[in-house]
Amino acid sequence: MIKKVLIANRGEIAVRVMRSCREMGIKTVAVYSDADRTSMHVSYADEAILIGKAPSSDSYLCIDKIIEAAKLSGAQAIHPGYGFLSENAEFSQRCQDEGIIFIGPSAKSIQSMGDKISARKCMIDAGVPVVPGTAASMDEENLLSTCREIGLPVIIKASAGGGGKGMRLVRDESELIEAYHEAKSEAQSSFSSDEVYVEKYIESPHHIEIQFLGDMHGNIVHLFDRECSVQRRHQKIVEESPSPFITEDVRQRMGEIAVKAAKSVNYVGAGTIEFLVDEKMNFYFLEMNTRLQVEHPITEEVLGIDLVKEQINIANGNALRFSQKDIEQRGHAIECRICAEDTENGFIPTAGIINSVRTPQGIGVRVDSFIYDGYEIPIYYDSMLSKLIVWATQRKYALERMRRVLYEYKITGIKTNIDYLRRIMDTHDFVNGEYTTHFIEENQKNLSSHDDNEEEAEKIAVIAAYMDYIVAKNSEFSVTQPPHGDQRPISRWRAFAKQKGVLRI
């Protein structure tokens, strides 16, 4: 039995895993870099071990140091979280070789699904529907003939890719060669492999994924669907479960296909099949994620299942504690990713000291976070600060709740995307559940904080400037701070003008 787990990660996912371990009576070990000495996961764990300098290549991506830390602490198992080494087949194999339980799938499963060309071949052999495309790495010589056979538009993709890197959309033959070399170059720099392949581009698809669990006894169940179509540059921003788009019949068929796909690679642990779904609800395999997903909390909320506890139960060699007929979706959940970024300046990540955090609370509200008053955000890692999750009996109530908690969530001292997320919740397409992966670009105008009525804004700005002068002369008017982290002093008059949507400050 696992009695101590080392979490080979940082931030909110490290804290989230530790919380489940604590409920199970399992001791936890944190690893941390120089930049994370004051991170919450370090103080929350029962033990903490420094493993290197700030860059992830010297710490969180260093297999030798993590294995050494596990041995030093006496941890029987390692949970990789997501990102970093979570889908690294070498790391999984190394744990096995060292007699340490890897809380995740086997190295063989990770390897077969980690390479997208290999994954496509596996799924085709298993009878899983895949997007039309090539089943082998592409070279320039047969690029044109292949794309003509598939039919434009196409996407050139890095075989070892992820997160939108090494991808190029091609709508015209004249763009093919340049896009091909750009994709190969980006793939090489991002993944140390320049292998690329070609897929048919599905116009205006939905990005739907199916969560599943498999044990060492051959039992595999699916945990239904998540809608992940709100994306910016192929990075998810908002997720919800169940999908407001697919029908119950399609949901069941996708679940059955996901189980079939997992069985084809003898999968053990928690995993996710990602599908593209077209407007006619035809669905195609996109990729398999051999780890816990960032958006796993919404599945937990609608099912009442703790996925981390199930991962540990499986890693202990136990059979799944439920069958497919025992699993039922209840209500609706939405997740927003709270990030430290400047949404008005290209979404660039923002670092600095968080002055204060006011976290929303109430029925059906969950915040997975690792930030606190006075915490300094390092510049070395992902910009995500927390995940805000709500649950309600119906989608419309979950949406109302998310609007409320986004209003209440206050993080000062740095810029965040909270206001941007609030605008997403108010967008017509999202409210009606009528959105695809093109949602962000199609609603760019609605999502911008800039007001198009420049003349009216100019007038209000003049009035506000004059009132600021009066405020400075009259102490009965108090100067307050605007919501959501903007640290410039703002009078009540400016706050009023800002709320009316006619003043940019």
Protein backbone atom coordinates (compact mmCIF):
# COMPACT_ATOMS: atom_id res chain seq x y z
CA MET A 1 0.00 0.00 0.00
CA ILE A 2 1.16 3.49 -0.85
CA LYS A 3 1.88 5.42 2.35
CA LYS A 4 3.94 8.30 0.99
CA VAL A 5 3.72 10.07 -2.39
CA LEU A 6 6.17 12.49 -3.96
CA ILE A 7 4.45 15.01 -6.23
CA ALA A 8 6.75 15.78 -9.16
CA ASN A 9 5.13 19.11 -9.91
CA ARG A 10 4.38 22.55 -8.54
CA GLY A 11 1.60 25.11 -8.20
CA GLU A 12 -2.09 24.36 -7.94
CA ILE A 13 -1.91 20.77 -9.21
CA ALA A 14 0.68 19.85 -6.56
CA VAL A 15 -1.56 21.27 -3.81
CA ARG A 16 -4.63 19.59 -5.32
CA VAL A 17 -2.95 16.14 -5.33
CA MET A 18 -1.70 16.66 -1.78
CA ARG A 19 -5.20 17.41 -0.53
CA SER A 20 -6.54 14.08 -1.80
CA CYS A 21 -3.53 12.30 -0.31
CA ARG A 22 -4.15 13.92 3.07
CA GLU A 23 -7.78 12.76 3.03
CA MET A 24 -6.51 9.23 2.35
CA GLY A 25 -3.99 9.41 5.21
CA ILE A 26 -1.05 9.39 2.80
CA LYS A 27 2.06 11.46 3.55
CA THR A 28 3.25 13.84 0.83
CA VAL A 29 6.61 15.07 -0.38
CA ALA A 30 7.03 18.29 -2.34
CA VAL A 31 9.92 19.03 -4.66
CA TYR A 32 10.75 22.63 -5.43
CA SER A 33 13.14 24.89 -7.28
CA ASP A 34 14.96 27.96 -6.01
CA ALA A 35 12.16 30.11 -7.40
CA ASP A 36 9.48 28.16 -5.51
CA ARG A 37 10.83 28.34 -1.97
CA THR A 38 7.76 30.29 -0.86
CA SER A 39 5.22 28.40 -2.99
CA MET A 40 2.17 27.00 -1.21
CA HIS A 41 2.85 23.40 -2.25
CA VAL A 42 6.14 23.52 -0.33
CA SER A 43 4.54 24.52 2.97
CA TYR A 44 1.48 22.29 2.49
CA ALA A 45 3.43 19.04 2.05
CA ASP A 46 4.64 16.93 4.95
CA GLU A 47 8.18 17.14 3.56
CA ALA A 48 9.83 19.32 0.92
CA ILE A 49 13.07 18.79 -0.98
CA LEU A 50 14.97 21.40 -3.01
CA ILE A 51 15.89 19.90 -6.39
CA GLY A 52 17.57 22.69 -8.33
CA LYS A 53 17.67 26.13 -9.83
CA ALA A 54 14.66 28.01 -11.15
CA PRO A 55 14.66 26.89 -14.80
CA SER A 56 12.52 23.76 -15.15
CA SER A 57 15.35 22.03 -17.04
CA ASP A 58 17.38 22.22 -13.83
CA SER A 59 14.56 21.14 -11.52
CA TYR A 60 11.09 19.90 -12.47
CA LEU A 61 12.29 18.28 -15.71
CA CYS A 62 15.33 16.62 -14.15
CA ILE A 63 14.47 12.92 -13.78
CA ASP A 64 17.60 12.04 -11.81
CA LYS A 65 16.93 14.68 -9.14
CA ILE A 66 13.30 13.66 -8.71
CA ILE A 67 14.16 9.98 -8.41
CA GLU A 68 16.87 10.87 -5.87
CA ALA A 69 14.35 12.93 -3.89
CA ALA A 70 11.89 10.03 -3.85
CA LYS A 71 14.56 7.67 -2.52
CA LEU A 72 15.77 10.20 0.05
CA SER A 73 12.25 10.75 1.39
CA GLY A 74 11.23 7.10 1.30
CA ALA A 75 8.27 7.79 -1.00
CA GLN A 76 6.84 4.61 -2.48
CA ALA A 77 5.13 6.43 -5.36
CA ILE A 78 5.39 9.51 -7.58
CA HIS A 79 2.44 11.48 -8.90
CA PRO A 80 3.50 13.58 -11.93
CA GLY A 81 0.48 15.94 -12.05
CA TYR A 82 0.25 17.40 -15.55
CA GLY A 83 2.85 19.12 -17.69
CA PHE A 84 6.57 18.67 -16.98
CA LEU A 85 7.28 14.90 -16.86
CA SER A 86 3.68 13.67 -16.73
CA GLU A 87 3.75 12.23 -20.26
CA ASN A 88 7.40 11.28 -20.34
CA ALA A 89 7.78 7.56 -21.10
CA GLU A 90 11.40 7.57 -19.91
CA PHE A 91 10.31 8.91 -16.52
CA SER A 92 7.60 6.26 -16.16
CA GLN A 93 10.08 3.52 -17.08
CA ARG A 94 12.73 4.91 -14.76
CA CYS A 95 10.30 4.81 -11.84
CA GLN A 96 9.53 1.17 -12.61
CA ASP A 97 13.24 0.33 -12.86
CA GLU A 98 13.90 1.98 -9.49
CA GLY A 99 11.03 0.16 -7.78
CA ILE A 100 8.95 3.34 -7.42
CA ILE A 101 5.26 3.31 -8.32
CA PHE A 102 4.44 5.74 -11.11
CA ILE A 103 0.88 6.97 -10.59
CA GLY A 104 0.00 6.91 -14.25
CA PRO A 105 0.11 4.62 -17.28
CA SER A 106 2.96 2.38 -18.37
CA ALA A 107 5.89 3.70 -20.39
CA LYS A 108 4.63 1.69 -23.35
CA SER A 109 1.19 3.34 -23.28
CA ILE A 110 2.72 6.80 -22.93
CA GLN A 111 5.11 6.18 -25.81
CA SER A 112 2.49 4.78 -28.16
CA MET A 113 0.15 7.73 -27.55
CA GLY A 114 2.77 10.46 -27.13
CA ASP A 115 3.78 10.36 -30.78
CA LYS A 116 0.77 11.53 -32.80
CA ILE A 117 1.68 9.49 -35.88
CA SER A 118 1.99 6.36 -33.76
CA ALA A 119 -1.28 7.21 -31.98
CA ARG A 120 -3.10 7.59 -35.31
CA LYS A 121 -1.86 4.18 -36.43
CA CYS A 122 -2.98 2.57 -33.16
CA MET A 123 -6.44 4.12 -33.40
CA ILE A 124 -6.88 3.15 -37.05
CA ASP A 125 -5.93 -0.44 -36.18
CA ALA A 126 -8.45 -0.37 -33.32
CA GLY A 127 -11.25 0.87 -35.59
CA VAL A 128 -11.45 4.29 -33.95
CA PRO A 129 -12.53 7.08 -36.37
CA VAL A 130 -9.66 9.47 -37.10
CA VAL A 131 -9.44 12.71 -39.06
CA PRO A 132 -8.44 11.92 -42.68
CA GLY A 133 -4.70 12.41 -43.06
CA THR A 134 -1.32 10.75 -43.26
CA ALA A 135 -0.25 7.86 -41.06
CA ALA A 136 3.46 8.56 -41.51
CA SER A 137 5.88 11.45 -41.30
CA MET A 138 5.71 13.76 -44.30
CA ASP A 139 8.58 14.82 -46.55
CA GLU A 140 8.56 17.69 -48.99
CA GLU A 141 8.65 15.44 -52.06
CA ASN A 142 5.13 14.01 -51.63
CA LEU A 143 3.63 16.92 -49.72
CA LEU A 144 1.69 18.46 -52.60
CA SER A 145 0.27 15.21 -53.95
CA THR A 146 -0.78 14.10 -50.47
CA CYS A 147 -2.56 17.37 -49.70
CA ARG A 148 -4.38 17.24 -53.04
CA GLU A 149 -5.53 13.73 -52.20
CA ILE A 150 -6.78 14.75 -48.75
CA GLY A 151 -8.21 18.03 -50.03
CA LEU A 152 -7.53 21.54 -48.77
CA PRO A 153 -7.68 23.03 -46.22
CA VAL A 154 -5.22 20.91 -44.21
CA ILE A 155 -3.24 21.26 -41.01
CA ILE A 156 0.45 20.41 -40.88
CA LYS A 157 1.16 19.11 -37.36
CA ALA A 158 4.21 18.20 -35.32
CA SER A 159 4.17 14.50 -34.48
CA ALA A 160 5.48 15.15 -30.97
CA GLY A 161 3.50 18.36 -30.60
CA GLY A 162 1.01 19.90 -28.25
CA GLY A 163 -0.37 23.27 -27.19
CA GLY A 164 -0.66 24.50 -30.78
CA LYS A 165 3.11 24.45 -31.40
CA GLY A 166 4.38 23.06 -34.70
CA MET A 167 0.99 23.55 -36.35
CA ARG A 168 0.18 25.41 -39.56
CA LEU A 169 -3.17 25.79 -41.31
CA VAL A 170 -2.94 25.74 -45.10
CA ARG A 171 -5.83 26.83 -47.31
CA ASP A 172 -3.95 27.41 -50.57
CA GLU A 173 -1.35 25.26 -52.36
CA SER A 174 0.94 28.28 -52.68
CA GLU A 175 1.32 28.32 -48.87
CA LEU A 176 2.24 24.64 -48.49
CA ILE A 177 6.02 24.66 -48.71
CA GLU A 178 6.52 27.65 -46.44
CA ALA A 179 4.06 26.30 -43.87
CA TYR A 180 5.73 22.88 -44.00
CA HIS A 181 9.18 24.29 -43.19
CA GLU A 182 7.79 26.60 -40.49
CA ALA A 183 6.05 23.67 -38.80
CA LYS A 184 9.17 21.51 -38.95
CA SER A 185 11.37 24.29 -37.57
CA GLU A 186 8.99 25.04 -34.67
CA ALA A 187 8.60 21.33 -33.95
CA GLN A 188 12.36 20.88 -33.76
CA SER A 189 12.85 23.81 -31.40
CA SER A 190 9.87 22.88 -29.20
CA PHE A 191 10.03 19.08 -29.10
CA SER A 192 13.50 18.15 -30.42
CA SER A 193 11.84 16.36 -33.34
CA ASP A 194 11.00 17.84 -36.73
CA GLU A 195 8.62 15.06 -37.79
CA VAL A 196 5.31 16.40 -39.10
CA TYR A 197 2.20 14.90 -40.63
CA VAL A 198 -0.89 16.22 -42.41
CA GLU A 199 -4.57 16.14 -41.41
CA LYS A 200 -7.73 17.37 -43.07
CA TYR A 201 -8.84 20.62 -41.45
CA ILE A 202 -12.30 20.29 -39.91
CA GLU A 203 -14.12 23.61 -40.30
CA SER A 204 -15.66 25.05 -37.12
CA PRO A 205 -15.34 21.91 -34.97
CA HIS A 206 -16.14 21.33 -31.33
CA HIS A 207 -13.30 20.10 -29.12
CA ILE A 208 -14.87 17.39 -26.98
CA GLU A 209 -12.96 15.06 -24.70
CA ILE A 210 -13.86 11.89 -22.86
CA GLN A 211 -12.29 11.07 -19.49
CA PHE A 212 -11.65 7.41 -18.70
CA LEU A 213 -10.12 5.18 -16.02
CA GLY A 214 -8.51 1.78 -16.41
CA ASP A 215 -7.21 -0.64 -13.78
CA MET A 216 -4.65 -3.46 -13.83
CA HIS A 217 -7.41 -6.06 -14.09
CA GLY A 218 -8.61 -5.02 -17.54
CA ASN A 219 -11.55 -2.90 -16.38
CA ILE A 220 -12.01 0.40 -18.21
CA VAL A 221 -14.85 2.90 -17.81
CA HIS A 222 -15.50 6.28 -19.38
CA LEU A 223 -16.43 9.28 -17.24
CA PHE A 224 -18.41 11.14 -19.90
CA ASP A 225 -17.56 14.35 -21.71
CA ARG A 226 -16.10 17.81 -21.38
CA GLU A 227 -16.59 20.67 -23.85
CA CYS A 228 -13.25 22.43 -24.37
CA SER A 229 -13.91 24.57 -27.44
CA VAL A 230 -13.17 27.98 -25.88
CA GLN A 231 -9.54 28.22 -26.90
CA ARG A 232 -7.05 30.93 -27.69
CA ARG A 233 -4.21 29.80 -29.93
CA HIS A 234 -5.16 26.19 -29.22
CA GLN A 235 -4.89 26.77 -25.46
CA LYS A 236 -8.07 26.07 -23.48
CA ILE A 237 -9.52 28.92 -21.42
CA VAL A 238 -12.97 27.73 -20.32
CA GLU A 239 -14.32 24.18 -20.09
CA GLU A 240 -17.70 22.76 -19.14
CA SER A 241 -19.36 19.42 -18.54
CA PRO A 242 -21.52 18.09 -20.01
CA SER A 243 -21.15 19.59 -23.47
CA PRO A 244 -24.13 21.77 -24.42
CA PHE A 245 -23.67 20.69 -28.07
CA ILE A 246 -23.65 16.92 -28.40
CA THR A 247 -26.71 14.73 -27.98
CA GLU A 248 -27.07 11.94 -25.44
CA ASP A 249 -26.73 9.34 -28.19
CA VAL A 250 -23.48 10.87 -29.47
CA ARG A 251 -22.21 11.18 -25.89
CA GLN A 252 -22.72 7.46 -25.29
CA ARG A 253 -21.09 6.48 -28.60
CA MET A 254 -18.07 8.68 -27.91
CA GLY A 255 -17.73 7.11 -24.47
CA GLU A 256 -17.82 3.61 -25.94
CA ILE A 257 -15.20 4.54 -28.55
CA ALA A 258 -12.96 6.04 -25.86
CA VAL A 259 -13.11 2.79 -23.87
CA LYS A 260 -12.31 0.85 -27.05
CA ALA A 261 -9.31 3.10 -27.72
CA ALA A 262 -8.01 2.74 -24.16
CA LYS A 263 -8.33 -1.03 -24.27
CA SER A 264 -6.36 -1.15 -27.52
CA VAL A 265 -3.25 0.05 -25.64
CA ASN A 266 -3.98 -1.83 -22.37
CA TYR A 267 -4.33 1.48 -20.58
CA VAL A 268 -3.94 1.68 -16.80
CA GLY A 269 -4.73 4.88 -14.90
CA ALA A 270 -6.54 8.10 -15.75
CA GLY A 271 -6.53 9.27 -19.35
CA THR A 272 -8.44 11.37 -21.84
CA ILE A 273 -9.40 10.94 -25.48
CA GLU A 274 -9.78 14.23 -27.33
CA PHE A 275 -12.15 14.35 -30.30
CA LEU A 276 -13.01 16.87 -32.98
CA VAL A 277 -16.76 16.95 -33.64
CA ASP A 278 -18.12 18.58 -36.81
CA GLU A 279 -21.45 20.36 -37.25
CA LYS A 280 -23.15 17.07 -38.20
CA MET A 281 -21.81 15.46 -35.00
CA ASN A 282 -19.37 13.21 -36.79
CA PHE A 283 -16.48 12.76 -34.37
CA TYR A 284 -12.82 12.00 -34.99
CA PHE A 285 -9.94 10.98 -32.73
CA LEU A 286 -7.54 13.86 -32.14
CA GLU A 287 -5.18 12.56 -29.47
CA MET A 288 -4.94 10.69 -26.18
CA ASN A 289 -3.63 12.48 -23.10
CA THR A 290 -1.92 9.96 -20.85
CA ARG A 291 -2.25 12.01 -17.66
CA LEU A 292 -4.66 13.99 -15.55
CA GLN A 293 -6.05 17.00 -17.42
CA VAL A 294 -6.11 20.59 -16.17
CA GLU A 295 -9.90 20.53 -16.56
CA HIS A 296 -10.46 17.31 -14.57
CA PRO A 297 -12.33 19.13 -11.72
CA ILE A 298 -15.49 19.63 -13.81
CA THR A 299 -15.70 15.87 -14.32
CA GLU A 300 -15.26 15.38 -10.58
CA GLU A 301 -18.03 17.86 -9.85
CA VAL A 302 -20.66 16.31 -12.14
CA LEU A 303 -19.82 12.73 -11.12
CA GLY A 304 -18.86 13.08 -7.46
CA ILE A 305 -15.64 11.13 -8.10
CA ASP A 306 -12.18 12.19 -6.90
CA LEU A 307 -9.93 11.31 -9.85
CA VAL A 308 -6.70 11.58 -7.87
CA LYS A 309 -7.98 9.11 -5.28
CA GLU A 310 -8.97 6.78 -8.10
CA GLN A 311 -5.49 7.10 -9.61
CA ILE A 312 -3.94 6.10 -6.30
CA ASN A 313 -6.41 3.24 -5.85
CA ILE A 314 -5.45 1.93 -9.28
CA ALA A 315 -1.72 2.37 -8.60
CA ASN A 316 -2.19 0.26 -5.46
CA GLY A 317 -3.27 -2.59 -7.74
CA ASN A 318 -6.94 -2.47 -6.78
CA ALA A 319 -9.85 -2.92 -9.14
CA LEU A 320 -12.05 0.04 -10.05
CA ARG A 321 -14.55 0.76 -7.32
CA PHE A 322 -17.47 1.17 -9.73
CA SER A 323 -18.72 -0.12 -13.06
CA GLN A 324 -20.03 1.84 -16.04
CA LYS A 325 -23.66 1.53 -14.92
CA ASP A 326 -22.78 3.14 -11.58
CA ILE A 327 -21.55 6.36 -13.20
CA GLU A 328 -24.04 9.14 -13.87
CA GLN A 329 -23.69 12.81 -14.75
CA ARG A 330 -25.52 15.13 -12.38
CA GLY A 331 -25.94 18.84 -12.98
CA HIS A 332 -23.51 21.08 -14.82
CA ALA A 333 -19.99 22.35 -14.08
CA ILE A 334 -17.91 25.15 -15.61
CA GLU A 335 -14.20 25.86 -15.13
CA CYS A 336 -12.31 29.09 -15.84
CA ARG A 337 -8.53 29.21 -15.88
CA ILE A 338 -7.29 32.22 -13.93
CA CYS A 339 -3.99 33.39 -15.39
CA ALA A 340 -1.47 36.12 -14.67
CA GLU A 341 -1.52 37.82 -18.05
CA ASP A 342 -2.16 41.19 -19.65
CA THR A 343 -5.17 40.59 -21.89
CA GLU A 344 -4.91 44.06 -23.45
CA ASN A 345 -1.29 43.58 -24.51
CA GLY A 346 -1.16 40.31 -26.39
CA PHE A 347 -1.91 38.18 -23.32
CA ILE A 348 1.71 38.42 -22.24
CA PRO A 349 2.38 36.70 -18.88
CA THR A 350 2.73 39.04 -15.92
CA ALA A 351 4.99 38.44 -12.96
CA GLY A 352 5.23 40.29 -9.68
CA ILE A 353 3.94 40.33 -6.13
CA ILE A 354 0.27 39.62 -5.40
CA ASN A 355 -0.87 42.25 -2.93
CA SER A 356 -4.08 40.53 -1.93
CA VAL A 357 -6.41 37.71 -2.91
CA ARG A 358 -10.13 37.58 -2.19
CA THR A 359 -11.46 34.16 -3.08
CA PRO A 360 -15.15 33.61 -3.88
CA GLN A 361 -17.12 31.17 -1.76
CA GLY A 362 -20.55 29.61 -1.51
CA ILE A 363 -22.49 26.52 -2.52
CA GLY A 364 -21.18 24.87 -5.65
CA VAL A 365 -17.94 26.89 -5.72
CA ARG A 366 -14.45 25.38 -5.87
CA VAL A 367 -11.09 27.13 -6.23
CA ASP A 368 -7.97 25.09 -6.97
CA SER A 369 -5.16 27.54 -6.26
CA PHE A 370 -1.70 28.06 -4.83
CA ILE A 371 -1.55 31.84 -4.45
CA TYR A 372 -1.85 33.98 -1.33
CA ASP A 373 -1.38 37.56 -0.12
CA GLY A 374 2.23 38.62 -0.70
CA TYR A 375 3.12 35.72 -2.99
CA GLU A 376 5.64 36.58 -5.71
CA ILE A 377 4.92 34.95 -9.07
CA PRO A 378 8.08 33.51 -10.68
CA ILE A 379 8.80 34.31 -14.32
CA TYR A 380 9.91 30.79 -15.16
CA TYR A 381 6.68 28.81 -15.31
CA ASP A 382 3.16 28.67 -16.68
CA SER A 383 1.00 31.74 -16.03
CA MET A 384 -1.97 29.87 -14.55
CA LEU A 385 -2.64 30.92 -10.96
CA SER A 386 -5.78 28.97 -10.17
CA LYS A 387 -8.87 27.27 -11.53
CA LEU A 388 -12.31 28.56 -10.67
CA ILE A 389 -14.97 25.84 -10.81
CA VAL A 390 -18.70 26.06 -10.24
CA TRP A 391 -21.44 23.44 -10.16
CA ALA A 392 -25.22 23.82 -10.32
CA THR A 393 -28.22 21.66 -11.14
CA GLN A 394 -28.59 23.19 -14.62
CA ARG A 395 -26.27 24.97 -17.07
CA LYS A 396 -28.08 28.31 -16.78
CA TYR A 397 -27.63 28.28 -13.01
CA ALA A 398 -23.96 27.29 -13.33
CA LEU A 399 -23.47 30.22 -15.70
CA GLU A 400 -25.14 32.60 -13.24
CA ARG A 401 -22.91 31.27 -10.48
CA MET A 402 -19.76 31.67 -12.57
CA ARG A 403 -20.65 35.28 -13.32
CA ARG A 404 -21.07 35.92 -9.63
CA VAL A 405 -17.81 34.31 -8.51
CA LEU A 406 -15.80 36.00 -11.27
CA TYR A 407 -17.10 39.30 -9.93
CA GLU A 408 -16.09 38.34 -6.38
CA TYR A 409 -12.64 36.98 -7.25
CA LYS A 410 -10.18 39.81 -6.58
CA ILE A 411 -6.44 39.54 -7.17
CA THR A 412 -4.53 42.79 -6.76
CA GLY A 413 -0.95 43.73 -7.55
CA ILE A 414 -0.78 42.04 -10.95
CA LYS A 415 -2.86 41.90 -14.11
CA THR A 416 -5.05 38.84 -14.62
CA ASN A 417 -7.56 37.58 -17.18
CA ILE A 418 -10.54 37.72 -14.80
CA ASP A 419 -12.27 40.58 -16.62
CA TYR A 420 -11.74 38.78 -19.92
CA LEU A 421 -13.38 35.65 -18.52
CA ARG A 422 -16.33 37.72 -17.30
CA ARG A 423 -16.86 38.99 -20.83
CA ILE A 424 -16.81 35.43 -22.14
CA MET A 425 -19.62 34.53 -19.72
CA ASP A 426 -21.70 37.42 -21.10
CA THR A 427 -21.13 36.61 -24.77
CA HIS A 428 -24.28 35.58 -26.64
CA ASP A 429 -22.70 32.49 -28.23
CA PHE A 430 -21.43 31.17 -24.91
CA VAL A 431 -24.65 31.90 -23.05
CA ASN A 432 -26.57 29.88 -25.64
CA GLY A 433 -23.97 27.11 -25.82
CA GLU A 434 -23.54 27.81 -29.52
CA TYR A 435 -19.80 28.02 -29.92
CA THR A 436 -16.96 26.16 -31.63
CA THR A 437 -13.16 26.34 -31.50
CA HIS A 438 -13.48 29.61 -33.46
CA PHE A 439 -15.35 31.26 -30.58
CA ILE A 440 -12.55 33.63 -29.54
CA GLU A 441 -11.79 34.96 -33.01
CA GLU A 442 -15.48 35.27 -33.88
CA ASN A 443 -16.19 37.22 -30.69
CA GLN A 444 -13.02 39.28 -30.53
CA LYS A 445 -14.92 42.56 -30.62
CA ASN A 446 -17.22 41.54 -27.76
CA LEU A 447 -14.32 40.26 -25.68
CA SER A 448 -12.24 43.39 -25.96
CA SER A 449 -12.52 45.91 -23.13
CA HIS A 450 -12.13 48.73 -25.62
CA ASP A 451 -15.25 50.72 -26.46
CA ASP A 452 -15.87 51.59 -30.09
CA ASN A 453 -17.68 54.82 -29.23
CA GLU A 454 -14.53 56.92 -29.12
CA GLU A 455 -16.40 60.25 -29.24
CA GLU A 456 -18.53 59.42 -26.22
CA ALA A 457 -15.51 58.01 -24.40
CA GLU A 458 -13.64 61.24 -25.07
CA LYS A 459 -16.44 63.33 -23.55
CA ILE A 460 -16.65 61.13 -20.48
CA ALA A 461 -12.88 61.22 -20.11
CA VAL A 462 -12.93 65.03 -20.02
CA ILE A 463 -15.72 65.03 -17.43
CA ALA A 464 -13.92 62.38 -15.37
CA ALA A 465 -10.66 64.33 -15.49
CA TYR A 466 -12.46 67.45 -14.24
CA MET A 467 -14.21 65.49 -11.47
CA ASP A 468 -10.85 64.05 -10.42
CA TYR A 469 -9.70 67.62 -9.91
CA ILE A 470 -12.77 68.29 -7.76
CA VAL A 471 -12.13 65.07 -5.82
CA ALA A 472 -8.62 66.21 -5.02
CA LYS A 473 -10.04 69.45 -3.61
CA ASN A 474 -12.91 67.90 -1.69
CA SER A 475 -12.21 65.30 0.97
CA GLU A 476 -15.82 64.08 1.11
CA PHE A 477 -15.14 62.10 -2.07
CA SER A 478 -12.99 59.06 -1.36
CA VAL A 479 -10.52 57.72 -3.87
CA THR A 480 -11.00 54.00 -4.38
CA GLN A 481 -9.38 51.18 -6.27
CA PRO A 482 -11.03 49.59 -9.31
CA PRO A 483 -11.76 45.88 -9.28
CA HIS A 484 -9.55 43.07 -10.55
CA GLY A 485 -6.04 44.17 -9.87
CA ASP A 486 -5.74 47.60 -11.54
CA GLN A 487 -3.59 49.58 -9.11
CA ARG A 488 -4.05 53.08 -10.52
CA PRO A 489 -6.10 55.36 -8.24
CA ILE A 490 -9.58 55.91 -9.62
CA SER A 491 -12.29 58.24 -8.45
CA ARG A 492 -15.91 57.24 -8.06
CA TRP A 493 -16.61 59.19 -11.21
CA ARG A 494 -14.12 57.22 -13.22
CA ALA A 495 -15.39 53.99 -11.71
CA PHE A 496 -18.92 54.96 -12.76
CA ALA A 497 -17.77 55.81 -16.28
CA LYS A 498 -15.86 52.54 -16.52
CA GLN A 499 -18.91 50.53 -15.44
CA LYS A 500 -20.91 52.23 -18.19
CA GLY A 501 -18.37 50.95 -20.71
CA VAL A 502 -17.45 54.33 -22.13
CA LEU A 503 -14.12 55.08 -20.52
CA ARG A 504 -10.76 53.37 -20.90
CA ILE A 505 -8.26 54.15 -18.17
